[in-house]
Amino acid sequence: MFGLPLFVAAALQQDAPDPLRLPIGPPGFARVQAGRIVETATGATVGLDAVVRAAEGRRFVILGESHDDASHHRFQADVLEALAKAGRQVIVGFEMFTRPVQDRLNPWTLGWKTEDEFIRESEWRTQWGFDFALYRPVFEAVRRNRLPMVALNVPRDWVRAVGRGGLSALQPDQRAQLPERIDLGWKDHRRLFEAMMGGHPVSGAQGENIYAAQVLWDVGMADTALKAMDRWRRSPKAVMVILAGSGHAMYGLGINGRIRERTGEPVLTVVMVGREGEVSRGIADFVYASPKP
């Protein structure tokens, strides 16, 4: 739901902290209505044009999704279309693909592959596994606007290895492909992670390893995004729109936080939620709620 490692299955307890309402960042709450966007700083309901304006001058925009919510992917497609229409040079970064399949993505952008061919050759079913139809609006927007795609994620066997044995379980050649420093000491991120785990505190060697795997995920994707954007560093209109689970975006503590840690630059964050209601102001710059059924 929130982008936790695939080997983690934790049921949220009724008395567990709500990840959407944690006291992290600016105090207070903003109310988001079904099918609408709220700007958390002001509490105002806004249109997509406000998101596009807020993205001016930013190199990165992250859209935190619930993977199985079709409305979130339609909204993501709308954001891609709006940014492209505004004249931005849009690159799309995907949590859904790992680095080794990068060379299999652009044939879709260029119209060289049918949908079935792309699903097969990109290894969508094993790379990700969610129904491709959920994401079809995103891929149609990519193809319509010929947007470059970037496979952000590190190989899943790296994440599994760290989940079992910690960062030291990475092979030397794997570790060499990551930033030298991987900080596991972000207290607010641990707080968020524990809330996503149903309120269970990180404890013991296995808990620390699972937490390290989540951090690896964020650090690895941020690293891929920064390296990819180096190719467009001379273009002031370039913007990478990162599509990832909301757990990699909330409170500026995921991929966005790891980008900021290395560059100092802010990342525009939009988090998508499944219901209307109050969310913490610190959760994102904007929050979109799914329409009512």
C-alpha atoms as a PDB file:
ATOM      1  CA  MET A   1       0.000   0.000   0.000  1.00  0.00           C
ATOM      2  CA  PHE A   2       2.707   2.472   0.971  1.00  0.00           C
ATOM      3  CA  GLY A   3       5.630   1.031  -0.974  1.00  0.00           C
ATOM      4  CA  LEU A   4       6.930  -1.350   1.671  1.00  0.00           C
ATOM      5  CA  PRO A   5       9.339  -4.125   0.683  1.00  0.00           C
ATOM      6  CA  LEU A   6       7.534  -6.968  -1.069  1.00  0.00           C
ATOM      7  CA  PHE A   7       8.515  -9.473   1.607  1.00  0.00           C
ATOM      8  CA  VAL A   8       6.844  -7.443   4.367  1.00  0.00           C
ATOM      9  CA  ALA A   9       3.219  -8.211   5.238  1.00  0.00           C
ATOM     10  CA  ALA A  10       2.028  -6.205   8.228  1.00  0.00           C
ATOM     11  CA  ALA A  11      -1.638  -5.625   9.017  1.00  0.00           C
ATOM     12  CA  LEU A  12      -2.389  -2.113  10.294  1.00  0.00           C
ATOM     13  CA  GLN A  13      -3.744  -2.219  13.828  1.00  0.00           C
ATOM     14  CA  GLN A  14      -6.794  -0.159  14.665  1.00  0.00           C
ATOM     15  CA  ASP A  15      -4.880   1.730  17.356  1.00  0.00           C
ATOM     16  CA  ALA A  16      -1.755   2.225  15.248  1.00  0.00           C
ATOM     17  CA  PRO A  17      -0.668   5.733  14.244  1.00  0.00           C
ATOM     18  CA  ASP A  18      -2.237   6.885  10.995  1.00  0.00           C
ATOM     19  CA  PRO A  19       0.624   7.426   8.485  1.00  0.00           C
ATOM     20  CA  LEU A  20      -1.411  10.236   6.902  1.00  0.00           C
ATOM     21  CA  ARG A  21      -1.713  12.201  10.146  1.00  0.00           C
ATOM     22  CA  LEU A  22       1.719  12.049  11.771  1.00  0.00           C
ATOM     23  CA  PRO A  23       3.032  15.185  13.557  1.00  0.00           C
ATOM     24  CA  ILE A  24       5.984  15.593  11.196  1.00  0.00           C
ATOM     25  CA  GLY A  25       6.733  18.933   9.570  1.00  0.00           C
ATOM     26  CA  PRO A  26       4.450  21.990   9.794  1.00  0.00           C
ATOM     27  CA  PRO A  27       1.794  21.565  12.505  1.00  0.00           C
ATOM     28  CA  GLY A  28      -1.880  21.182  11.734  1.00  0.00           C
ATOM     29  CA  PHE A  29      -4.046  19.455   9.183  1.00  0.00           C
ATOM     30  CA  ALA A  30      -5.514  20.109   5.760  1.00  0.00           C
ATOM     31  CA  ARG A  31      -8.772  18.623   4.539  1.00  0.00           C
ATOM     32  CA  VAL A  32      -8.874  17.041   1.087  1.00  0.00           C
ATOM     33  CA  GLN A  33     -12.155  16.316  -0.661  1.00  0.00           C
ATOM     34  CA  ALA A  34     -12.824  13.266  -2.816  1.00  0.00           C
ATOM     35  CA  GLY A  35     -11.588  13.790  -6.365  1.00  0.00           C
ATOM     36  CA  ARG A  36      -9.884  17.074  -5.472  1.00  0.00           C
ATOM     37  CA  ILE A  37      -6.406  18.465  -4.818  1.00  0.00           C
ATOM     38  CA  VAL A  38      -5.564  20.370  -1.644  1.00  0.00           C
ATOM     39  CA  GLU A  39      -2.563  22.637  -1.204  1.00  0.00           C
ATOM     40  CA  THR A  40      -1.484  21.712   2.298  1.00  0.00           C
ATOM     41  CA  ALA A  41       0.216  25.019   3.152  1.00  0.00           C
ATOM     42  CA  THR A  42      -3.001  26.988   2.677  1.00  0.00           C
ATOM     43  CA  GLY A  43      -5.701  24.322   2.947  1.00  0.00           C
ATOM     44  CA  ALA A  44      -7.132  25.580  -0.340  1.00  0.00           C
ATOM     45  CA  THR A  45      -8.674  23.264  -2.900  1.00  0.00           C
ATOM     46  CA  VAL A  46      -6.813  23.894  -6.159  1.00  0.00           C
ATOM     47  CA  GLY A  47      -6.691  22.771  -9.760  1.00  0.00           C
ATOM     48  CA  LEU A  48      -3.972  20.932 -11.633  1.00  0.00           C
ATOM     49  CA  ASP A  49      -2.662  24.267 -12.877  1.00  0.00           C
ATOM     50  CA  ALA A  50      -1.511  25.055  -9.328  1.00  0.00           C
ATOM     51  CA  VAL A  51       0.641  21.924  -9.314  1.00  0.00           C
ATOM     52  CA  VAL A  52       2.148  22.900 -12.685  1.00  0.00           C
ATOM     53  CA  ARG A  53       2.943  26.401 -11.404  1.00  0.00           C
ATOM     54  CA  ALA A  54       4.505  25.001  -8.238  1.00  0.00           C
ATOM     55  CA  ALA A  55       6.730  22.762 -10.387  1.00  0.00           C
ATOM     56  CA  GLU A  56       8.295  25.780 -12.112  1.00  0.00           C
ATOM     57  CA  GLY A  57      12.010  25.810 -11.412  1.00  0.00           C
ATOM     58  CA  ARG A  58      11.967  22.309  -9.915  1.00  0.00           C
ATOM     59  CA  ARG A  59      13.938  19.457 -11.437  1.00  0.00           C
ATOM     60  CA  PHE A  60      11.979  16.770  -9.614  1.00  0.00           C
ATOM     61  CA  VAL A  61       8.309  16.131  -8.916  1.00  0.00           C
ATOM     62  CA  ILE A  62       7.291  12.994  -7.031  1.00  0.00           C
ATOM     63  CA  LEU A  63       3.777  11.549  -7.212  1.00  0.00           C
ATOM     64  CA  GLY A  64       3.186   9.133  -4.332  1.00  0.00           C
ATOM     65  CA  GLU A  65       0.564   6.547  -5.229  1.00  0.00           C
ATOM     66  CA  SER A  66      -1.361   3.591  -3.922  1.00  0.00           C
ATOM     67  CA  HIS A  67      -0.400   0.981  -6.504  1.00  0.00           C
ATOM     68  CA  ASP A  68      -3.818  -0.641  -6.860  1.00  0.00           C
ATOM     69  CA  ASP A  69      -5.855   2.581  -7.164  1.00  0.00           C
ATOM     70  CA  ALA A  70      -6.708   3.218 -10.825  1.00  0.00           C
ATOM     71  CA  SER A  71      -7.703   6.829 -10.108  1.00  0.00           C
ATOM     72  CA  HIS A  72      -4.172   7.570  -8.906  1.00  0.00           C
ATOM     73  CA  HIS A  73      -2.720   6.482 -12.222  1.00  0.00           C
ATOM     74  CA  ARG A  74      -5.248   8.549 -14.162  1.00  0.00           C
ATOM     75  CA  PHE A  75      -4.214  11.523 -12.045  1.00  0.00           C
ATOM     76  CA  GLN A  76      -0.534  10.814 -12.717  1.00  0.00           C
ATOM     77  CA  ALA A  77      -1.261  10.768 -16.449  1.00  0.00           C
ATOM     78  CA  ASP A  78      -3.036  14.125 -16.102  1.00  0.00           C
ATOM     79  CA  VAL A  79       0.018  15.599 -14.370  1.00  0.00           C
ATOM     80  CA  LEU A  80       2.338  14.344 -17.126  1.00  0.00           C
ATOM     81  CA  GLU A  81       0.072  15.794 -19.801  1.00  0.00           C
ATOM     82  CA  ALA A  82      -0.239  19.141 -18.019  1.00  0.00           C
ATOM     83  CA  LEU A  83       3.500  19.538 -17.533  1.00  0.00           C
ATOM     84  CA  ALA A  84       4.201  18.608 -21.150  1.00  0.00           C
ATOM     85  CA  LYS A  85       1.551  21.068 -22.326  1.00  0.00           C
ATOM     86  CA  ALA A  86       3.193  23.769 -20.204  1.00  0.00           C
ATOM     87  CA  GLY A  87       6.405  23.291 -22.159  1.00  0.00           C
ATOM     88  CA  ARG A  88       8.359  21.229 -19.660  1.00  0.00           C
ATOM     89  CA  GLN A  89      10.753  18.573 -20.919  1.00  0.00           C
ATOM     90  CA  VAL A  90       9.242  15.704 -18.956  1.00  0.00           C
ATOM     91  CA  ILE A  91      11.166  12.560 -18.032  1.00  0.00           C
ATOM     92  CA  VAL A  92       9.265   9.860 -16.139  1.00  0.00           C
ATOM     93  CA  GLY A  93      10.992   7.880 -13.396  1.00  0.00           C
ATOM     94  CA  PHE A  94       9.395   4.567 -12.421  1.00  0.00           C
ATOM     95  CA  GLU A  95       9.673   2.698  -9.141  1.00  0.00           C
ATOM     96  CA  MET A  96       8.069  -0.151 -11.075  1.00  0.00           C
ATOM     97  CA  PHE A  97      11.163  -0.975 -13.138  1.00  0.00           C
ATOM     98  CA  THR A  98      14.640  -1.956 -11.962  1.00  0.00           C
ATOM     99  CA  ARG A  99      17.849  -0.617 -13.466  1.00  0.00           C
ATOM    100  CA  PRO A 100      18.661  -3.726 -15.594  1.00  0.00           C
ATOM    101  CA  VAL A 101      15.602  -3.230 -17.854  1.00  0.00           C
ATOM    102  CA  GLN A 102      16.388   0.399 -18.717  1.00  0.00           C
ATOM    103  CA  ASP A 103      17.222  -0.356 -22.357  1.00  0.00           C
ATOM    104  CA  ARG A 104      13.816  -1.980 -22.868  1.00  0.00           C
ATOM    105  CA  LEU A 105      11.767   1.119 -22.035  1.00  0.00           C
ATOM    106  CA  ASN A 106      12.416   3.618 -24.817  1.00  0.00           C
ATOM    107  CA  PRO A 107      11.040   1.371 -27.596  1.00  0.00           C
ATOM    108  CA  TRP A 108       7.625   1.954 -26.017  1.00  0.00           C
ATOM    109  CA  THR A 109       8.111   5.724 -25.934  1.00  0.00           C
ATOM    110  CA  LEU A 110       9.098   5.683 -29.601  1.00  0.00           C
ATOM    111  CA  GLY A 111       6.107   3.589 -30.645  1.00  0.00           C
ATOM    112  CA  TRP A 112       8.169   0.602 -31.726  1.00  0.00           C
ATOM    113  CA  LYS A 113       6.406  -1.974 -29.542  1.00  0.00           C
ATOM    114  CA  THR A 114       2.840  -3.118 -29.096  1.00  0.00           C
ATOM    115  CA  GLU A 115       1.464  -3.197 -25.583  1.00  0.00           C
ATOM    116  CA  ASP A 116       1.828  -6.972 -25.374  1.00  0.00           C
ATOM    117  CA  GLU A 117       5.419  -6.782 -26.607  1.00  0.00           C
ATOM    118  CA  PHE A 118       6.251  -4.073 -24.102  1.00  0.00           C
ATOM    119  CA  ILE A 119       4.686  -5.983 -21.201  1.00  0.00           C
ATOM    120  CA  ARG A 120       6.677  -9.084 -22.129  1.00  0.00           C
ATOM    121  CA  GLU A 121      10.025  -7.479 -22.961  1.00  0.00           C
ATOM    122  CA  SER A 122      10.030  -5.078 -20.006  1.00  0.00           C
ATOM    123  CA  GLU A 123       9.221  -8.043 -17.733  1.00  0.00           C
ATOM    124  CA  TRP A 124       6.328  -6.070 -16.276  1.00  0.00           C
ATOM    125  CA  ARG A 125       4.705  -9.095 -14.642  1.00  0.00           C
ATOM    126  CA  THR A 126       7.854 -10.066 -12.748  1.00  0.00           C
ATOM    127  CA  GLN A 127       9.278  -6.556 -12.351  1.00  0.00           C
ATOM    128  CA  TRP A 128       6.069  -5.243 -10.785  1.00  0.00           C
ATOM    129  CA  GLY A 129       3.086  -7.577 -10.944  1.00  0.00           C
ATOM    130  CA  PHE A 130       0.165  -5.154 -10.632  1.00  0.00           C
ATOM    131  CA  ASP A 131      -2.328  -5.257 -13.487  1.00  0.00           C
ATOM    132  CA  PHE A 132      -0.896  -3.280 -16.402  1.00  0.00           C
ATOM    133  CA  ALA A 133      -4.392  -1.934 -17.103  1.00  0.00           C
ATOM    134  CA  LEU A 134      -4.176   0.124 -13.896  1.00  0.00           C
ATOM    135  CA  TYR A 135      -1.150   1.939 -15.304  1.00  0.00           C
ATOM    136  CA  ARG A 136      -2.299   2.125 -18.919  1.00  0.00           C
ATOM    137  CA  PRO A 137      -3.230   5.857 -18.718  1.00  0.00           C
ATOM    138  CA  VAL A 138       0.356   6.628 -17.629  1.00  0.00           C
ATOM    139  CA  PHE A 139       1.920   4.649 -20.456  1.00  0.00           C
ATOM    140  CA  GLU A 140      -0.478   6.125 -22.997  1.00  0.00           C
ATOM    141  CA  ALA A 141       0.519   9.627 -21.861  1.00  0.00           C
ATOM    142  CA  VAL A 142       4.190   8.655 -22.107  1.00  0.00           C
ATOM    143  CA  ARG A 143       3.755   7.398 -25.655  1.00  0.00           C
ATOM    144  CA  ARG A 144       1.525  10.253 -26.800  1.00  0.00           C
ATOM    145  CA  ASN A 145       4.082  12.824 -25.658  1.00  0.00           C
ATOM    146  CA  ARG A 146       7.192  10.717 -26.388  1.00  0.00           C
ATOM    147  CA  LEU A 147       8.460  11.062 -22.826  1.00  0.00           C
ATOM    148  CA  PRO A 148      11.742   9.358 -21.883  1.00  0.00           C
ATOM    149  CA  MET A 149      11.377   6.754 -19.144  1.00  0.00           C
ATOM    150  CA  VAL A 150      13.866   5.853 -16.409  1.00  0.00           C
ATOM    151  CA  ALA A 151      13.940   2.564 -14.492  1.00  0.00           C
ATOM    152  CA  LEU A 152      14.672   3.869 -10.997  1.00  0.00           C
ATOM    153  CA  ASN A 153      14.690   0.837  -8.774  1.00  0.00           C
ATOM    154  CA  VAL A 154      17.660  -1.215  -7.674  1.00  0.00           C
ATOM    155  CA  PRO A 155      17.480  -4.956  -8.448  1.00  0.00           C
ATOM    156  CA  ARG A 156      15.072  -6.718  -6.133  1.00  0.00           C
ATOM    157  CA  ASP A 157      17.626  -9.293  -5.067  1.00  0.00           C
ATOM    158  CA  TRP A 158      19.621  -6.411  -3.545  1.00  0.00           C
ATOM    159  CA  VAL A 159      16.590  -5.407  -1.454  1.00  0.00           C
ATOM    160  CA  ARG A 160      15.957  -9.012  -0.410  1.00  0.00           C
ATOM    161  CA  ALA A 161      19.599  -9.486   0.594  1.00  0.00           C
ATOM    162  CA  VAL A 162      19.592  -6.339   2.732  1.00  0.00           C
ATOM    163  CA  GLY A 163      16.242  -7.316   4.281  1.00  0.00           C
ATOM    164  CA  ARG A 164      17.835 -10.528   5.469  1.00  0.00           C
ATOM    165  CA  GLY A 165      21.364  -9.426   6.302  1.00  0.00           C
ATOM    166  CA  GLY A 166      21.590  -5.645   6.385  1.00  0.00           C
ATOM    167  CA  LEU A 167      23.627  -3.357   4.162  1.00  0.00           C
ATOM    168  CA  SER A 168      26.706  -5.505   4.715  1.00  0.00           C
ATOM    169  CA  ALA A 169      24.962  -8.261   2.740  1.00  0.00           C
ATOM    170  CA  LEU A 170      25.466  -6.322  -0.504  1.00  0.00           C
ATOM    171  CA  GLN A 171      28.249  -7.604  -2.715  1.00  0.00           C
ATOM    172  CA  PRO A 172      31.183  -5.196  -3.301  1.00  0.00           C
ATOM    173  CA  ASP A 173      30.158  -4.576  -6.921  1.00  0.00           C
ATOM    174  CA  GLN A 174      26.591  -3.823  -5.801  1.00  0.00           C
ATOM    175  CA  ARG A 175      27.715  -1.478  -3.036  1.00  0.00           C
ATOM    176  CA  ALA A 176      29.930   0.353  -5.522  1.00  0.00           C
ATOM    177  CA  GLN A 177      26.829   1.284  -7.542  1.00  0.00           C
ATOM    178  CA  LEU A 178      25.301   3.175  -4.609  1.00  0.00           C
ATOM    179  CA  PRO A 179      26.208   6.370  -2.764  1.00  0.00           C
ATOM    180  CA  GLU A 180      29.103   5.978  -0.348  1.00  0.00           C
ATOM    181  CA  ARG A 181      26.962   7.132   2.576  1.00  0.00           C
ATOM    182  CA  ILE A 182      23.610   5.536   3.390  1.00  0.00           C
ATOM    183  CA  ASP A 183      22.221   7.186   6.518  1.00  0.00           C
ATOM    184  CA  LEU A 184      19.956   4.951   8.625  1.00  0.00           C
ATOM    185  CA  GLY A 185      19.557   7.524  11.384  1.00  0.00           C
ATOM    186  CA  TRP A 186      16.605   9.649  10.246  1.00  0.00           C
ATOM    187  CA  LYS A 187      14.314   9.598  13.311  1.00  0.00           C
ATOM    188  CA  ASP A 188      11.242  10.945  11.510  1.00  0.00           C
ATOM    189  CA  HIS A 189      11.651   8.370   8.748  1.00  0.00           C
ATOM    190  CA  ARG A 190      11.768   5.594  11.328  1.00  0.00           C
ATOM    191  CA  ARG A 191       8.622   7.036  12.860  1.00  0.00           C
ATOM    192  CA  LEU A 192       6.894   6.961   9.473  1.00  0.00           C
ATOM    193  CA  PHE A 193       8.169   3.454   8.744  1.00  0.00           C
ATOM    194  CA  GLU A 194       6.869   2.184  12.079  1.00  0.00           C
ATOM    195  CA  ALA A 195       3.464   3.746  11.394  1.00  0.00           C
ATOM    196  CA  MET A 196       3.375   2.029   7.986  1.00  0.00           C
ATOM    197  CA  MET A 197       4.247  -1.217   9.757  1.00  0.00           C
ATOM    198  CA  GLY A 198       1.138  -0.970  11.891  1.00  0.00           C
ATOM    199  CA  GLY A 199       2.775   0.819  14.812  1.00  0.00           C
ATOM    200  CA  HIS A 200       5.376  -1.888  15.427  1.00  0.00           C
ATOM    201  CA  PRO A 201       8.700  -0.348  16.503  1.00  0.00           C
ATOM    202  CA  VAL A 202      11.885  -1.209  14.634  1.00  0.00           C
ATOM    203  CA  SER A 203      13.661  -3.622  16.972  1.00  0.00           C
ATOM    204  CA  GLY A 204      16.136  -6.456  16.850  1.00  0.00           C
ATOM    205  CA  ALA A 205      18.483  -7.409  14.067  1.00  0.00           C
ATOM    206  CA  GLN A 206      15.708  -8.490  11.699  1.00  0.00           C
ATOM    207  CA  GLY A 207      13.752  -5.262  12.235  1.00  0.00           C
ATOM    208  CA  GLU A 208      16.873  -3.215  11.552  1.00  0.00           C
ATOM    209  CA  ASN A 209      17.533  -5.187   8.372  1.00  0.00           C
ATOM    210  CA  ILE A 210      13.998  -4.656   7.082  1.00  0.00           C
ATOM    211  CA  TYR A 211      14.317  -0.954   7.831  1.00  0.00           C
ATOM    212  CA  ALA A 212      17.667  -0.851   6.019  1.00  0.00           C
ATOM    213  CA  ALA A 213      15.999  -2.429   2.987  1.00  0.00           C
ATOM    214  CA  GLN A 214      13.425   0.368   2.905  1.00  0.00           C
ATOM    215  CA  VAL A 215      16.182   2.973   3.107  1.00  0.00           C
ATOM    216  CA  LEU A 216      18.131   1.195   0.369  1.00  0.00           C
ATOM    217  CA  TRP A 217      15.064   1.428  -1.836  1.00  0.00           C
ATOM    218  CA  ASP A 218      14.815   5.198  -1.360  1.00  0.00           C
ATOM    219  CA  VAL A 219      18.545   5.859  -1.635  1.00  0.00           C
ATOM    220  CA  GLY A 220      18.881   3.693  -4.737  1.00  0.00           C
ATOM    221  CA  MET A 221      15.994   5.330  -6.571  1.00  0.00           C
ATOM    222  CA  ALA A 222      17.206   8.824  -5.676  1.00  0.00           C
ATOM    223  CA  ASP A 223      20.659   7.893  -6.937  1.00  0.00           C
ATOM    224  CA  THR A 224      19.267   6.620 -10.250  1.00  0.00           C
ATOM    225  CA  ALA A 225      17.153   9.753 -10.663  1.00  0.00           C
ATOM    226  CA  LEU A 226      20.080  12.103 -10.054  1.00  0.00           C
ATOM    227  CA  LYS A 227      22.364  10.223 -12.428  1.00  0.00           C
ATOM    228  CA  ALA A 228      19.678  10.207 -15.125  1.00  0.00           C
ATOM    229  CA  MET A 229      18.981  13.917 -14.750  1.00  0.00           C
ATOM    230  CA  ASP A 230      22.662  14.712 -15.273  1.00  0.00           C
ATOM    231  CA  ARG A 231      21.974  14.145 -18.981  1.00  0.00           C
ATOM    232  CA  TRP A 232      19.470  17.012 -18.994  1.00  0.00           C
ATOM    233  CA  ARG A 233      21.351  19.363 -16.645  1.00  0.00           C
ATOM    234  CA  ARG A 234      21.707  22.042 -19.328  1.00  0.00           C
ATOM    235  CA  SER A 235      17.969  22.161 -20.014  1.00  0.00           C
ATOM    236  CA  PRO A 236      16.128  24.504 -17.611  1.00  0.00           C
ATOM    237  CA  LYS A 237      12.825  23.008 -18.757  1.00  0.00           C
ATOM    238  CA  ALA A 238      13.723  19.435 -17.808  1.00  0.00           C
ATOM    239  CA  VAL A 239      11.723  17.850 -14.989  1.00  0.00           C
ATOM    240  CA  MET A 240      11.656  14.268 -13.813  1.00  0.00           C
ATOM    241  CA  VAL A 241       8.271  13.099 -12.585  1.00  0.00           C
ATOM    242  CA  ILE A 242       8.846  10.182 -10.222  1.00  0.00           C
ATOM    243  CA  LEU A 243       6.058   7.625  -9.835  1.00  0.00           C
ATOM    244  CA  ALA A 244       6.395   5.648  -6.616  1.00  0.00           C
ATOM    245  CA  GLY A 245       4.452   4.323  -3.677  1.00  0.00           C
ATOM    246  CA  SER A 246       3.389   7.003  -1.219  1.00  0.00           C
ATOM    247  CA  GLY A 247       5.718   5.540   1.409  1.00  0.00           C
ATOM    248  CA  HIS A 248       8.595   6.726  -0.770  1.00  0.00           C
ATOM    249  CA  ALA A 249       7.192  10.271  -0.858  1.00  0.00           C
ATOM    250  CA  MET A 250       5.406  11.216   2.378  1.00  0.00           C
ATOM    251  CA  TYR A 251       6.785  13.969   4.612  1.00  0.00           C
ATOM    252  CA  GLY A 252       9.751  14.518   2.287  1.00  0.00           C
ATOM    253  CA  LEU A 253      11.454  11.516   3.879  1.00  0.00           C
ATOM    254  CA  GLY A 254      11.729   9.101   0.955  1.00  0.00           C
ATOM    255  CA  ILE A 255      13.214   9.512  -2.503  1.00  0.00           C
ATOM    256  CA  ASN A 256      12.612  13.248  -2.204  1.00  0.00           C
ATOM    257  CA  GLY A 257      14.523  13.442   1.071  1.00  0.00           C
ATOM    258  CA  ARG A 258      17.452  11.493  -0.317  1.00  0.00           C
ATOM    259  CA  ILE A 259      17.639  13.845  -3.316  1.00  0.00           C
ATOM    260  CA  ARG A 260      17.533  16.862  -0.997  1.00  0.00           C
ATOM    261  CA  GLU A 261      20.210  15.295   1.221  1.00  0.00           C
ATOM    262  CA  ARG A 262      22.637  15.134  -1.695  1.00  0.00           C
ATOM    263  CA  THR A 263      21.806  18.310  -3.608  1.00  0.00           C
ATOM    264  CA  GLY A 264      19.986  20.626  -1.207  1.00  0.00           C
ATOM    265  CA  GLU A 265      17.238  21.131  -3.767  1.00  0.00           C
ATOM    266  CA  PRO A 266      13.534  20.872  -2.915  1.00  0.00           C
ATOM    267  CA  VAL A 267      11.385  18.232  -4.596  1.00  0.00           C
ATOM    268  CA  LEU A 268       7.762  19.049  -5.304  1.00  0.00           C
ATOM    269  CA  THR A 269       5.725  16.325  -3.624  1.00  0.00           C
ATOM    270  CA  VAL A 270       2.174  15.243  -4.366  1.00  0.00           C
ATOM    271  CA  VAL A 271       0.735  12.397  -2.310  1.00  0.00           C
ATOM    272  CA  MET A 272      -2.389  10.567  -3.424  1.00  0.00           C
ATOM    273  CA  VAL A 273      -4.706   9.079  -0.809  1.00  0.00           C
ATOM    274  CA  GLY A 274      -7.630   6.706  -1.098  1.00  0.00           C
ATOM    275  CA  ARG A 275     -10.242   8.703   0.780  1.00  0.00           C
ATOM    276  CA  GLU A 276     -11.205  12.233   1.649  1.00  0.00           C
ATOM    277  CA  GLY A 277     -10.448  13.587   5.095  1.00  0.00           C
ATOM    278  CA  GLU A 278      -7.779  15.361   7.091  1.00  0.00           C
ATOM    279  CA  VAL A 279      -4.077  14.833   6.441  1.00  0.00           C
ATOM    280  CA  SER A 280      -1.038  16.331   8.106  1.00  0.00           C
ATOM    281  CA  ARG A 281       0.140  19.538   6.488  1.00  0.00           C
ATOM    282  CA  GLY A 282       3.663  18.167   6.443  1.00  0.00           C
ATOM    283  CA  ILE A 283       2.795  15.126   4.367  1.00  0.00           C
ATOM    284  CA  ALA A 284       3.320  16.816   0.974  1.00  0.00           C
ATOM    285  CA  ASP A 285       2.961  20.061  -0.946  1.00  0.00           C
ATOM    286  CA  PHE A 286      -0.296  18.808  -2.458  1.00  0.00           C
ATOM    287  CA  VAL A 287      -2.614  15.903  -1.687  1.00  0.00           C
ATOM    288  CA  TYR A 288      -5.070  14.318  -4.105  1.00  0.00           C
ATOM    289  CA  ALA A 289      -7.929  12.115  -2.875  1.00  0.00           C
ATOM    290  CA  SER A 290      -9.533   9.404  -4.974  1.00  0.00           C
ATOM    291  CA  PRO A 291     -13.064  10.149  -6.211  1.00  0.00           C
ATOM    292  CA  LYS A 292     -15.934   8.482  -4.425  1.00  0.00           C
ATOM    293  CA  PRO A 293     -16.963   5.171  -6.011  1.00  0.00           C
END
